[in-house]
Structures are given as C-alpha cells and as structure tokens.
Amino acid sequence: MFRRTFWFTAGAAAGVWATTKVNRKLKQLTPESLAAQAADKAIETGHRLKDFALDVRAGMLQREAELGSALGLDAPADQDPRELPAPRRRPALGPLADPGTTTPYSFSYNRNEDH
C-alpha cells in the first residue's frame, strides 16, 4: 500500500513540476516576452558599444598626447583644442628661397636632353 501511495505522490509531484516548467517556457516564448527580451538585449548591446567607443576614444586621446609630447607638438594652453594649430613655415634653404632661380642646389631635369 505504501508503495502505491509513494509512486502516486511521486508521479503527481513530477506532473506538477513538469507542468510548471512547461508553462514558464510558454510564457517566455510569447511575442510580448520575446520582444521585451530583444529590447533588453539591444539596450545592453548599446551600452557595451558605448563603453567600447569611450574606451577607444580615451585610448586615442592618450596616444595622441604621447605622440604630441614625443614630437614636441604640444599646443599652447590658451589655444582652443578644436582649432587646428597654425601652419608651420618651412625654413628657407638658402639660395632656394626663390623657386625661379637656378643654383647649385637645384636643377631641372629635361628628359629630352639625353637624346
């Protein structure tokens, strides 16, 4: 008698457990639930992309500062960082200051002179 009662109770408990499990899964698969899950994943992905972009931007600024200090290109403190620095003037190479003059430092090559 106890055997039958035990197995009947075990079967009823398994049935309740299985029914509860199936009902939870069915609720998860409703269109509203799937839409909410997709929206949550999209928001989470957006946050991860934003964090990644901020990390990349911070790395770019750090590397730019390292390169600027290594090359001596640090901008003055009173200059707006969004503006481009003033163009640098090239130093004159002595006699080449006038491009129309021919000096020992400059020559013209005419491919027709060799023939």
Protein backbone atom coordinates (compact mmCIF):
# COMPACT_ATOMS: atom_id res chain seq x y z
CA MET A 1 0.00 0.00 0.00
CA PHE A 2 2.80 2.39 0.84
CA ARG A 3 4.46 1.63 -2.46
CA ARG A 4 1.43 2.67 -4.43
CA THR A 5 0.97 5.81 -2.36
CA PHE A 6 4.66 6.69 -2.77
CA TRP A 7 4.62 6.27 -6.55
CA PHE A 8 1.31 8.09 -6.89
CA THR A 9 2.71 11.04 -4.91
CA ALA A 10 5.99 10.96 -6.86
CA GLY A 11 4.08 10.93 -10.19
CA ALA A 12 1.82 13.79 -9.10
CA ALA A 13 4.84 15.85 -7.98
CA ALA A 14 6.62 15.15 -11.28
CA GLY A 15 3.49 16.16 -13.18
CA VAL A 16 3.17 19.42 -11.25
CA TRP A 17 6.87 20.14 -11.74
CA ALA A 18 6.71 19.41 -15.50
CA THR A 19 3.53 21.46 -15.92
CA THR A 20 5.08 24.41 -14.12
CA LYS A 21 8.24 24.15 -16.21
CA VAL A 22 6.26 24.00 -19.49
CA ASN A 23 4.06 26.96 -18.51
CA ARG A 24 7.12 29.09 -17.67
CA LYS A 25 8.69 28.23 -21.03
CA LEU A 26 5.46 29.04 -22.87
CA LYS A 27 5.30 32.43 -21.16
CA GLN A 28 8.88 33.11 -22.23
CA LEU A 29 8.00 32.31 -25.84
CA THR A 30 5.04 34.68 -26.18
CA PRO A 31 5.57 37.50 -28.70
CA GLU A 32 5.45 40.17 -25.97
CA SER A 33 8.06 38.38 -23.91
CA LEU A 34 10.31 37.81 -26.92
CA ALA A 35 10.02 41.50 -27.85
CA ALA A 36 10.93 42.54 -24.31
CA GLN A 37 13.92 40.19 -24.29
CA ALA A 38 15.10 41.54 -27.65
CA ALA A 39 14.74 45.12 -26.43
CA ASP A 40 16.72 44.32 -23.28
CA LYS A 41 19.48 42.70 -25.35
CA ALA A 42 19.56 45.68 -27.73
CA ILE A 43 19.89 48.12 -24.84
CA GLU A 44 22.62 46.01 -23.27
CA THR A 45 24.47 45.85 -26.59
CA GLY A 46 24.12 49.61 -26.99
CA HIS A 47 25.65 50.16 -23.56
CA ARG A 48 28.52 47.83 -24.39
CA LEU A 49 29.16 49.62 -27.69
CA LYS A 50 29.07 52.99 -25.94
CA ASP A 51 31.57 51.77 -23.34
CA PHE A 52 33.78 50.39 -26.11
CA ALA A 53 33.63 53.69 -28.02
CA LEU A 54 34.53 55.63 -24.87
CA ASP A 55 37.47 53.30 -24.22
CA VAL A 56 38.68 53.71 -27.80
CA ARG A 57 38.32 57.49 -27.57
CA ALA A 58 40.27 57.58 -24.29
CA GLY A 59 42.99 55.43 -25.84
CA MET A 60 43.15 57.69 -28.88
CA LEU A 61 43.49 60.81 -26.72
CA GLN A 62 46.16 59.16 -24.60
CA ARG A 63 48.13 58.03 -27.65
CA GLU A 64 47.73 61.43 -29.29
CA ALA A 65 49.11 63.08 -26.15
CA GLU A 66 52.04 60.64 -26.10
CA LEU A 67 52.83 61.30 -29.74
CA GLY A 68 52.41 65.05 -29.30
CA SER A 69 54.83 65.15 -26.40
CA ALA A 70 57.28 62.85 -28.20
CA LEU A 71 57.23 65.03 -31.31
CA GLY A 72 57.08 68.33 -29.44
CA LEU A 73 53.71 69.25 -30.92
CA ASP A 74 52.01 70.19 -27.66
CA ALA A 75 49.59 73.04 -28.24
CA PRO A 76 49.74 76.13 -26.02
CA ALA A 77 47.26 76.17 -23.14
CA ASP A 78 45.37 79.22 -24.45
CA GLN A 79 44.61 77.59 -27.81
CA ASP A 80 41.19 76.00 -28.33
CA PRO A 81 41.75 72.22 -28.76
CA ARG A 82 39.12 72.10 -31.53
CA GLU A 83 41.11 74.51 -33.70
CA LEU A 84 43.94 73.40 -35.88
CA PRO A 85 47.38 74.71 -34.97
CA ALA A 86 48.84 77.48 -37.08
CA PRO A 87 50.63 76.19 -40.18
CA ARG A 88 54.36 75.88 -39.80
CA ARG A 89 56.65 77.75 -42.10
CA ARG A 90 59.30 75.79 -43.86
CA PRO A 91 62.80 77.12 -43.30
CA ALA A 92 64.43 78.69 -46.32
CA LEU A 93 67.23 76.56 -47.75
CA GLY A 94 69.46 79.48 -48.53
CA PRO A 95 69.66 80.13 -52.27
CA LEU A 96 66.45 78.16 -52.94
CA ALA A 97 64.26 80.86 -51.42
CA ASP A 98 63.25 81.98 -54.93
CA PRO A 99 61.96 78.94 -56.83
CA GLY A 100 62.69 80.53 -60.22
CA THR A 101 66.44 80.76 -59.71
CA THR A 102 68.86 78.02 -60.64
CA THR A 103 71.51 77.35 -58.04
CA PRO A 104 73.92 74.53 -57.36
CA TYR A 105 71.30 73.07 -55.05
CA SER A 106 68.57 72.83 -57.62
CA PHE A 107 68.48 71.53 -61.16
CA SER A 108 65.87 70.80 -63.74
CA TYR A 109 65.70 67.51 -65.47
CA ASN A 110 64.52 67.51 -69.03
CA ARG A 111 64.07 64.01 -70.37
CA ASN A 112 64.63 65.26 -73.90
CA GLU A 113 68.22 66.40 -73.13
CA ASP A 114 69.50 62.83 -73.08
CA HIS A 115 68.56 62.09 -76.70
